[in-house]
Amino acid sequence: MDFTKRLQRAIVRGEQARTAEGRRKTQQALTEDELKMLHSKCRLDLSEHIENCLRSLTDHFPGFDFQTIVGEEGWGAKINRDDFQAGRGRQSENLYSRLEMVIRPFSPTHIVELAAKGTIRNKEVFNRTHYQFLAQYDAESFQELIDLWTLEYAEQYAARS
């Protein structure tokens, strides 16, 4: 067999391999509906974990009000409290503290996004966001991050109040 025929066969084999690889990737790729269902499952699991963590904070720091968040901004929970500080020779002031964590709604970028805001005595202590692509979602890393941010807030709140 001459070189030209072998070259043509090699090209055909390469094109067939590319086509087969494309079909395999297409079959593996999640459809939009499957991605939405996966996001919903992730959101439910993570929002439940957020609620459990923030409820634990209210048990250790009386005076915080707990509220579940379900809406356009996401799903999760928040705790907040207002303190009144009366000072000698100076004006009284209201001191506001809160911790809010939400899983943002499904978006065309196909990510799971966790957003958190923490304020202690009228001072923002953090405003963070973390995300992962749905195809690479790792529940354990999100739960560890929720735990870490909750513990960090608790430590800072205990140090400042």
N, C-alpha and C. Protein backbone atom coordinates (compact mmCIF):
# COMPACT_ATOMS: atom_id res chain seq x y z
N MET A 1 0.85 -1.17 0.00
CA MET A 1 0.00 0.00 0.00
C MET A 1 0.90 1.23 0.00
N ASP A 2 0.56 2.17 -0.83
CA ASP A 2 1.40 3.36 -0.93
C ASP A 2 1.06 4.36 0.18
N PHE A 3 1.93 5.29 0.34
CA PHE A 3 1.83 6.28 1.42
C PHE A 3 0.55 7.10 1.35
N THR A 4 0.10 7.49 0.17
CA THR A 4 -1.09 8.32 0.02
C THR A 4 -2.32 7.61 0.55
N LYS A 5 -2.47 6.33 0.25
CA LYS A 5 -3.62 5.57 0.75
C LYS A 5 -3.56 5.42 2.27
N ARG A 6 -2.38 5.15 2.80
CA ARG A 6 -2.23 5.03 4.25
C ARG A 6 -2.54 6.36 4.93
N LEU A 7 -2.11 7.45 4.33
CA LEU A 7 -2.38 8.78 4.86
C LEU A 7 -3.89 9.04 4.88
N GLN A 8 -4.58 8.72 3.79
CA GLN A 8 -6.02 8.92 3.74
C GLN A 8 -6.73 8.07 4.80
N ARG A 9 -6.31 6.84 4.98
CA ARG A 9 -6.92 5.98 6.00
C ARG A 9 -6.67 6.54 7.41
N ALA A 10 -5.48 7.04 7.64
CA ALA A 10 -5.17 7.63 8.95
C ALA A 10 -6.06 8.84 9.21
N ILE A 11 -6.26 9.64 8.20
CA ILE A 11 -7.13 10.82 8.34
C ILE A 11 -8.56 10.39 8.63
N VAL A 12 -9.07 9.39 7.93
CA VAL A 12 -10.43 8.89 8.15
C VAL A 12 -10.55 8.35 9.58
N ARG A 13 -9.56 7.58 10.04
CA ARG A 13 -9.59 7.04 11.41
C ARG A 13 -9.60 8.17 12.43
N GLY A 14 -8.81 9.20 12.19
CA GLY A 14 -8.79 10.35 13.09
C GLY A 14 -10.12 11.07 13.14
N GLU A 15 -10.76 11.25 11.97
CA GLU A 15 -12.07 11.90 11.92
C GLU A 15 -13.11 11.05 12.63
N GLN A 16 -13.05 9.74 12.48
CA GLN A 16 -13.99 8.85 13.16
C GLN A 16 -13.79 8.92 14.68
N ALA A 17 -12.54 8.96 15.10
CA ALA A 17 -12.26 9.07 16.54
C ALA A 17 -12.80 10.38 17.09
N ARG A 18 -12.63 11.47 16.35
CA ARG A 18 -13.12 12.77 16.78
C ARG A 18 -14.64 12.75 16.88
N THR A 19 -15.29 12.15 15.88
CA THR A 19 -16.75 12.06 15.88
C THR A 19 -17.23 11.23 17.06
N ALA A 20 -16.58 10.11 17.32
CA ALA A 20 -16.96 9.25 18.44
C ALA A 20 -16.76 9.98 19.77
N GLU A 21 -15.67 10.70 19.89
CA GLU A 21 -15.39 11.47 21.11
C GLU A 21 -16.44 12.56 21.30
N GLY A 22 -16.83 13.21 20.22
CA GLY A 22 -17.88 14.24 20.29
C GLY A 22 -19.20 13.66 20.74
N ARG A 23 -19.56 12.49 20.23
CA ARG A 23 -20.80 11.83 20.64
C ARG A 23 -20.74 11.45 22.12
N ARG A 24 -19.60 10.94 22.55
CA ARG A 24 -19.44 10.55 23.95
C ARG A 24 -19.59 11.76 24.87
N LYS A 25 -18.97 12.87 24.51
CA LYS A 25 -19.07 14.09 25.33
C LYS A 25 -20.50 14.62 25.34
N THR A 26 -21.17 14.54 24.21
CA THR A 26 -22.55 15.00 24.14
C THR A 26 -23.44 14.17 25.05
N GLN A 27 -23.23 12.88 25.07
CA GLN A 27 -24.03 12.01 25.93
C GLN A 27 -23.73 12.28 27.39
N GLN A 28 -22.48 12.61 27.71
CA GLN A 28 -22.12 12.86 29.09
C GLN A 28 -22.56 14.24 29.56
N ALA A 29 -22.62 15.17 28.66
CA ALA A 29 -22.99 16.53 29.04
C ALA A 29 -24.41 16.55 29.59
N LEU A 30 -24.57 17.30 30.65
CA LEU A 30 -25.88 17.40 31.27
C LEU A 30 -26.77 18.36 30.48
N THR A 31 -28.01 18.00 30.37
CA THR A 31 -28.96 18.90 29.72
C THR A 31 -29.30 20.04 30.67
N GLU A 32 -29.91 21.05 30.15
CA GLU A 32 -30.29 22.21 30.97
C GLU A 32 -31.23 21.80 32.10
N ASP A 33 -32.19 20.93 31.80
CA ASP A 33 -33.12 20.47 32.84
C ASP A 33 -32.41 19.66 33.91
N GLU A 34 -31.47 18.83 33.49
CA GLU A 34 -30.70 18.05 34.47
C GLU A 34 -29.86 18.97 35.34
N LEU A 35 -29.31 20.02 34.76
CA LEU A 35 -28.53 20.98 35.54
C LEU A 35 -29.42 21.71 36.55
N LYS A 36 -30.62 22.07 36.14
CA LYS A 36 -31.54 22.74 37.06
C LYS A 36 -31.91 21.82 38.22
N MET A 37 -32.15 20.54 37.91
CA MET A 37 -32.49 19.59 38.98
C MET A 37 -31.30 19.39 39.92
N LEU A 38 -30.10 19.32 39.37
CA LEU A 38 -28.91 19.17 40.19
C LEU A 38 -28.72 20.39 41.07
N HIS A 39 -28.93 21.57 40.52
CA HIS A 39 -28.81 22.80 41.31
C HIS A 39 -29.83 22.82 42.44
N SER A 40 -31.05 22.40 42.15
CA SER A 40 -32.09 22.36 43.19
C SER A 40 -31.70 21.43 44.32
N LYS A 41 -31.15 20.27 43.98
CA LYS A 41 -30.72 19.32 45.01
C LYS A 41 -29.60 19.92 45.85
N CYS A 42 -28.62 20.53 45.20
CA CYS A 42 -27.51 21.17 45.91
C CYS A 42 -28.03 22.28 46.82
N ARG A 43 -28.92 23.08 46.28
CA ARG A 43 -29.49 24.21 47.03
C ARG A 43 -30.22 23.72 48.27
N LEU A 44 -31.02 22.67 48.13
CA LEU A 44 -31.75 22.15 49.28
C LEU A 44 -30.81 21.63 50.36
N ASP A 45 -29.82 20.85 49.96
CA ASP A 45 -28.87 20.30 50.93
C ASP A 45 -28.09 21.40 51.64
N LEU A 46 -27.60 22.36 50.86
CA LEU A 46 -26.78 23.41 51.45
C LEU A 46 -27.60 24.38 52.29
N SER A 47 -28.81 24.72 51.85
CA SER A 47 -29.63 25.65 52.64
C SER A 47 -30.02 25.00 53.97
N GLU A 48 -30.23 23.70 53.98
CA GLU A 48 -30.52 23.00 55.24
C GLU A 48 -29.31 23.07 56.17
N HIS A 49 -28.13 22.90 55.61
CA HIS A 49 -26.90 22.98 56.42
C HIS A 49 -26.71 24.40 56.97
N ILE A 50 -26.99 25.39 56.15
CA ILE A 50 -26.91 26.79 56.60
C ILE A 50 -27.87 27.01 57.76
N GLU A 51 -29.10 26.56 57.61
CA GLU A 51 -30.09 26.74 58.68
C GLU A 51 -29.64 26.09 59.98
N ASN A 52 -29.11 24.89 59.90
CA ASN A 52 -28.63 24.20 61.11
C ASN A 52 -27.50 24.96 61.78
N CYS A 53 -26.57 25.46 61.01
CA CYS A 53 -25.43 26.21 61.57
C CYS A 53 -25.90 27.50 62.23
N LEU A 54 -26.76 28.24 61.56
CA LEU A 54 -27.20 29.53 62.12
C LEU A 54 -28.12 29.33 63.32
N ARG A 55 -28.92 28.27 63.31
CA ARG A 55 -29.74 27.97 64.50
C ARG A 55 -28.84 27.67 65.71
N SER A 56 -27.73 26.99 65.46
CA SER A 56 -26.79 26.72 66.54
C SER A 56 -26.23 28.01 67.13
N LEU A 57 -25.97 28.98 66.27
CA LEU A 57 -25.49 30.28 66.77
C LEU A 57 -26.52 30.94 67.67
N THR A 58 -27.79 30.87 67.30
CA THR A 58 -28.82 31.51 68.13
C THR A 58 -28.94 30.80 69.48
N ASP A 59 -28.60 29.52 69.54
CA ASP A 59 -28.61 28.81 70.83
C ASP A 59 -27.49 29.31 71.74
N HIS A 60 -26.37 29.70 71.17
CA HIS A 60 -25.22 30.13 71.96
C HIS A 60 -25.19 31.64 72.21
N PHE A 61 -25.86 32.39 71.38
CA PHE A 61 -25.93 33.84 71.55
C PHE A 61 -27.39 34.26 71.61
N PRO A 62 -28.00 34.23 72.79
CA PRO A 62 -29.41 34.62 72.91
C PRO A 62 -29.61 36.06 72.43
N GLY A 63 -30.77 36.30 71.89
CA GLY A 63 -31.09 37.64 71.40
C GLY A 63 -31.09 37.74 69.89
N PHE A 64 -30.50 36.78 69.23
CA PHE A 64 -30.53 36.77 67.77
C PHE A 64 -31.86 36.21 67.30
N ASP A 65 -32.41 36.83 66.28
CA ASP A 65 -33.62 36.32 65.63
C ASP A 65 -33.20 35.52 64.40
N PHE A 66 -33.79 34.36 64.25
CA PHE A 66 -33.50 33.49 63.11
C PHE A 66 -34.58 33.67 62.05
N GLN A 67 -34.16 33.70 60.79
CA GLN A 67 -35.13 33.82 59.70
C GLN A 67 -34.64 32.99 58.51
N THR A 68 -35.55 32.17 57.99
CA THR A 68 -35.25 31.42 56.78
C THR A 68 -35.41 32.35 55.59
N ILE A 69 -34.52 32.23 54.62
CA ILE A 69 -34.60 33.05 53.41
C ILE A 69 -34.97 32.14 52.24
N VAL A 70 -36.05 32.49 51.59
CA VAL A 70 -36.48 31.80 50.38
C VAL A 70 -37.01 32.87 49.44
N GLY A 71 -36.33 33.07 48.34
CA GLY A 71 -36.80 34.12 47.44
C GLY A 71 -35.88 34.33 46.27
N GLU A 72 -36.04 35.49 45.65
CA GLU A 72 -35.28 35.82 44.45
C GLU A 72 -33.78 35.97 44.72
N GLU A 73 -33.42 36.38 45.95
CA GLU A 73 -32.00 36.54 46.25
C GLU A 73 -31.32 35.22 46.56
N GLY A 74 -32.11 34.18 46.84
CA GLY A 74 -31.54 32.87 47.10
C GLY A 74 -32.27 32.15 48.22
N TRP A 75 -31.64 31.06 48.67
CA TRP A 75 -32.21 30.23 49.71
C TRP A 75 -31.14 30.04 50.78
N GLY A 76 -31.55 30.21 52.02
CA GLY A 76 -30.61 30.06 53.12
C GLY A 76 -31.24 30.55 54.41
N ALA A 77 -30.47 31.30 55.19
CA ALA A 77 -30.98 31.80 56.46
C ALA A 77 -30.17 33.02 56.88
N LYS A 78 -30.74 33.73 57.86
CA LYS A 78 -30.01 34.85 58.45
C LYS A 78 -30.40 34.95 59.91
N ILE A 79 -29.47 35.48 60.68
CA ILE A 79 -29.75 35.81 62.07
C ILE A 79 -29.39 37.28 62.24
N ASN A 80 -30.15 37.96 63.10
CA ASN A 80 -29.82 39.36 63.37
C ASN A 80 -30.30 39.75 64.75
N ARG A 81 -29.73 40.81 65.24
CA ARG A 81 -30.14 41.36 66.53
C ARG A 81 -29.81 42.84 66.57
N ASP A 82 -30.61 43.55 67.33
CA ASP A 82 -30.38 44.97 67.60
C ASP A 82 -30.08 45.12 69.07
N ASP A 83 -29.01 45.79 69.37
CA ASP A 83 -28.64 46.08 70.76
C ASP A 83 -28.69 47.58 70.97
N PHE A 84 -29.06 47.96 72.16
CA PHE A 84 -29.11 49.37 72.53
C PHE A 84 -27.98 49.63 73.51
N GLN A 85 -27.14 50.60 73.20
CA GLN A 85 -26.03 50.93 74.08
C GLN A 85 -26.21 52.36 74.57
N ALA A 86 -26.42 52.47 75.87
CA ALA A 86 -26.55 53.80 76.47
C ALA A 86 -25.19 54.18 77.05
N GLY A 87 -24.76 55.37 76.70
CA GLY A 87 -23.45 55.81 77.18
C GLY A 87 -23.56 57.03 78.06
N ARG A 88 -22.62 57.15 78.97
CA ARG A 88 -22.58 58.35 79.82
C ARG A 88 -21.98 59.51 79.04
N GLY A 89 -22.67 60.60 79.04
CA GLY A 89 -22.16 61.80 78.41
C GLY A 89 -22.16 61.75 76.89
N ARG A 90 -22.61 60.69 76.32
CA ARG A 90 -22.69 60.64 74.86
C ARG A 90 -24.03 60.04 74.47
N GLN A 91 -24.32 60.13 73.24
CA GLN A 91 -25.61 59.66 72.77
C GLN A 91 -25.71 58.14 72.83
N SER A 92 -26.94 57.70 72.98
CA SER A 92 -27.21 56.27 72.92
C SER A 92 -27.14 55.85 71.46
N GLU A 93 -26.81 54.59 71.24
CA GLU A 93 -26.78 54.13 69.86
C GLU A 93 -27.34 52.71 69.75
N ASN A 94 -27.90 52.45 68.59
CA ASN A 94 -28.36 51.11 68.28
C ASN A 94 -27.24 50.38 67.56
N LEU A 95 -26.96 49.18 68.00
CA LEU A 95 -25.92 48.37 67.38
C LEU A 95 -26.56 47.16 66.72
N TYR A 96 -26.29 47.02 65.45
CA TYR A 96 -26.92 45.99 64.64
C TYR A 96 -25.90 44.91 64.30
N SER A 97 -26.28 43.65 64.50
CA SER A 97 -25.42 42.53 64.14
C SER A 97 -26.24 41.54 63.32
N ARG A 98 -25.60 40.93 62.33
CA ARG A 98 -26.30 39.94 61.52
C ARG A 98 -25.30 39.04 60.81
N LEU A 99 -25.78 37.85 60.47
CA LEU A 99 -25.06 36.92 59.62
C LEU A 99 -26.08 36.33 58.66
N GLU A 100 -25.79 36.43 57.40
CA GLU A 100 -26.70 35.94 56.35
C GLU A 100 -25.91 35.08 55.38
N MET A 101 -26.45 33.90 55.08
CA MET A 101 -25.85 33.02 54.08
C MET A 101 -26.95 32.51 53.16
N VAL A 102 -26.70 32.60 51.86
CA VAL A 102 -27.68 32.14 50.87
C VAL A 102 -26.99 31.40 49.72
N ILE A 103 -27.74 30.49 49.15
CA ILE A 103 -27.34 29.85 47.91
C ILE A 103 -28.11 30.58 46.82
N ARG A 104 -27.40 31.17 45.90
CA ARG A 104 -28.03 31.98 44.86
C ARG A 104 -28.82 31.09 43.89
N PRO A 105 -29.83 31.66 43.23
CA PRO A 105 -30.65 30.90 42.28
C PRO A 105 -29.84 30.38 41.08
N PHE A 106 -30.42 29.43 40.39
CA PHE A 106 -29.82 28.86 39.19
C PHE A 106 -29.59 29.96 38.17
N SER A 107 -28.44 29.90 37.50
CA SER A 107 -28.12 30.90 36.48
C SER A 107 -27.57 30.20 35.24
N PRO A 108 -27.54 30.90 34.12
CA PRO A 108 -27.03 30.31 32.88
C PRO A 108 -25.55 29.92 32.94
N THR A 109 -24.83 30.39 33.96
CA THR A 109 -23.43 30.02 34.09
C THR A 109 -23.24 28.63 34.68
N HIS A 110 -24.34 28.02 35.15
CA HIS A 110 -24.33 26.65 35.69
C HIS A 110 -23.38 26.50 36.86
N ILE A 111 -23.56 27.39 37.86
CA ILE A 111 -22.73 27.33 39.06
C ILE A 111 -23.61 27.20 40.30
N VAL A 112 -23.00 26.71 41.37
CA VAL A 112 -23.60 26.77 42.70
C VAL A 112 -22.83 27.87 43.42
N GLU A 113 -23.56 28.88 43.90
CA GLU A 113 -22.90 30.04 44.50
C GLU A 113 -23.40 30.28 45.91
N LEU A 114 -22.47 30.37 46.83
CA LEU A 114 -22.76 30.66 48.23
C LEU A 114 -22.33 32.09 48.50
N ALA A 115 -23.23 32.88 49.07
CA ALA A 115 -22.91 34.27 49.43
C ALA A 115 -23.16 34.45 50.92
N ALA A 116 -22.26 35.17 51.58
CA ALA A 116 -22.39 35.40 53.02
C ALA A 116 -22.01 36.84 53.35
N LYS A 117 -22.77 37.41 54.29
CA LYS A 117 -22.49 38.76 54.79
C LYS A 117 -22.55 38.70 56.31
N GLY A 118 -21.56 39.29 56.94
CA GLY A 118 -21.53 39.33 58.39
C GLY A 118 -21.29 40.74 58.88
N THR A 119 -22.09 41.17 59.85
CA THR A 119 -21.96 42.48 60.46
C THR A 119 -22.00 42.30 61.98
N ILE A 120 -21.09 42.96 62.67
CA ILE A 120 -21.07 42.91 64.13
C ILE A 120 -21.00 44.33 64.66
N ARG A 121 -22.02 44.69 65.43
CA ARG A 121 -22.09 46.01 66.07
C ARG A 121 -21.86 47.14 65.06
N ASN A 122 -22.60 47.10 63.98
CA ASN A 122 -22.62 48.11 62.91
C ASN A 122 -21.39 48.09 62.02
N LYS A 123 -20.52 47.13 62.16
CA LYS A 123 -19.32 47.06 61.32
C LYS A 123 -19.36 45.76 60.51
N GLU A 124 -19.22 45.92 59.20
CA GLU A 124 -19.19 44.73 58.34
C GLU A 124 -17.87 43.99 58.58
N VAL A 125 -17.98 42.70 58.91
CA VAL A 125 -16.77 41.92 59.17
C VAL A 125 -16.39 41.05 57.97
N PHE A 126 -17.39 40.69 57.16
CA PHE A 126 -17.07 40.04 55.89
C PHE A 126 -18.26 40.07 54.95
N ASN A 127 -17.93 39.98 53.67
CA ASN A 127 -18.90 39.92 52.57
C ASN A 127 -18.24 39.03 51.52
N ARG A 128 -18.65 37.76 51.48
CA ARG A 128 -17.93 36.78 50.69
C ARG A 128 -18.83 36.02 49.73
N THR A 129 -18.20 35.50 48.71
CA THR A 129 -18.89 34.65 47.74
C THR A 129 -17.95 33.50 47.36
N HIS A 130 -18.54 32.33 47.22
CA HIS A 130 -17.78 31.16 46.77
C HIS A 130 -18.66 30.42 45.78
N TYR A 131 -18.06 29.90 44.71
CA TYR A 131 -18.85 29.15 43.74
C TYR A 131 -18.05 28.00 43.17
N GLN A 132 -18.80 27.04 42.61
CA GLN A 132 -18.23 25.93 41.85
C GLN A 132 -19.18 25.65 40.69
N PHE A 133 -18.62 25.17 39.59
CA PHE A 133 -19.46 24.76 38.48
C PHE A 133 -20.23 23.50 38.90
N LEU A 134 -21.47 23.42 38.45
CA LEU A 134 -22.30 22.27 38.81
C LEU A 134 -21.65 20.94 38.45
N ALA A 135 -20.98 20.89 37.33
CA ALA A 135 -20.35 19.65 36.89
C ALA A 135 -19.21 19.23 37.83
N GLN A 136 -18.68 20.17 38.61
CA GLN A 136 -17.57 19.89 39.51
C GLN A 136 -17.97 20.06 40.97
N TYR A 137 -19.26 20.08 41.26
CA TYR A 137 -19.79 20.36 42.60
C TYR A 137 -19.27 19.35 43.64
N ASP A 138 -18.81 19.89 44.76
CA ASP A 138 -18.33 19.10 45.88
C ASP A 138 -19.06 19.57 47.14
N ALA A 139 -20.04 18.80 47.58
CA ALA A 139 -20.87 19.19 48.72
C ALA A 139 -20.05 19.36 49.99
N GLU A 140 -19.10 18.49 50.19
CA GLU A 140 -18.30 18.54 51.42
C GLU A 140 -17.53 19.85 51.54
N SER A 141 -16.96 20.34 50.45
CA SER A 141 -16.20 21.59 50.53
C SER A 141 -17.12 22.76 50.84
N PHE A 142 -18.34 22.76 50.30
CA PHE A 142 -19.29 23.83 50.60
C PHE A 142 -19.69 23.77 52.08
N GLN A 143 -19.98 22.58 52.58
CA GLN A 143 -20.38 22.45 53.98
C GLN A 143 -19.26 22.87 54.92
N GLU A 144 -18.03 22.52 54.59
CA GLU A 144 -16.89 22.96 55.40
C GLU A 144 -16.75 24.47 55.39
N LEU A 145 -16.99 25.08 54.24
CA LEU A 145 -16.91 26.53 54.13
C LEU A 145 -18.01 27.20 54.95
N ILE A 146 -19.22 26.67 54.91
CA ILE A 146 -20.32 27.20 55.71
C ILE A 146 -19.97 27.10 57.19
N ASP A 147 -19.44 25.95 57.60
CA ASP A 147 -19.01 25.78 58.99
C ASP A 147 -17.94 26.80 59.36
N LEU A 148 -16.94 26.94 58.49
CA LEU A 148 -15.83 27.84 58.75
C LEU A 148 -16.30 29.29 58.90
N TRP A 149 -17.14 29.75 57.99
CA TRP A 149 -17.63 31.13 58.06
C TRP A 149 -18.49 31.35 59.31
N THR A 150 -19.28 30.35 59.67
CA THR A 150 -20.11 30.45 60.87
C THR A 150 -19.24 30.53 62.12
N LEU A 151 -18.23 29.67 62.19
CA LEU A 151 -17.32 29.67 63.34
C LEU A 151 -16.53 30.97 63.42
N GLU A 152 -16.10 31.48 62.28
CA GLU A 152 -15.38 32.75 62.25
C GLU A 152 -16.25 33.88 62.77
N TYR A 153 -17.52 33.90 62.35
CA TYR A 153 -18.43 34.93 62.81
C TYR A 153 -18.64 34.81 64.33
N ALA A 154 -18.85 33.59 64.81
CA ALA A 154 -19.07 33.37 66.24
C ALA A 154 -17.87 33.86 67.06
N GLU A 155 -16.68 33.56 66.59
CA GLU A 155 -15.47 33.99 67.30
C GLU A 155 -15.36 35.50 67.33
N GLN A 156 -15.62 36.14 66.21
CA GLN A 156 -15.53 37.61 66.15
C GLN A 156 -16.63 38.25 66.98
N TYR A 157 -17.84 37.67 66.95
CA TYR A 157 -18.93 38.23 67.74
C TYR A 157 -18.63 38.13 69.24
N ALA A 158 -18.12 36.97 69.65
CA ALA A 158 -17.80 36.77 71.07
C ALA A 158 -16.70 37.74 71.51
N ALA A 159 -15.76 38.03 70.64
CA ALA A 159 -14.65 38.93 70.98
C ALA A 159 -15.11 40.39 71.06
N ARG A 160 -16.15 40.76 70.36
CA ARG A 160 -16.56 42.17 70.29
C ARG A 160 -17.77 42.51 71.16
N SER A 161 -18.40 41.54 71.74
CA SER A 161 -19.60 41.88 72.52
C SER A 161 -19.39 41.70 74.00
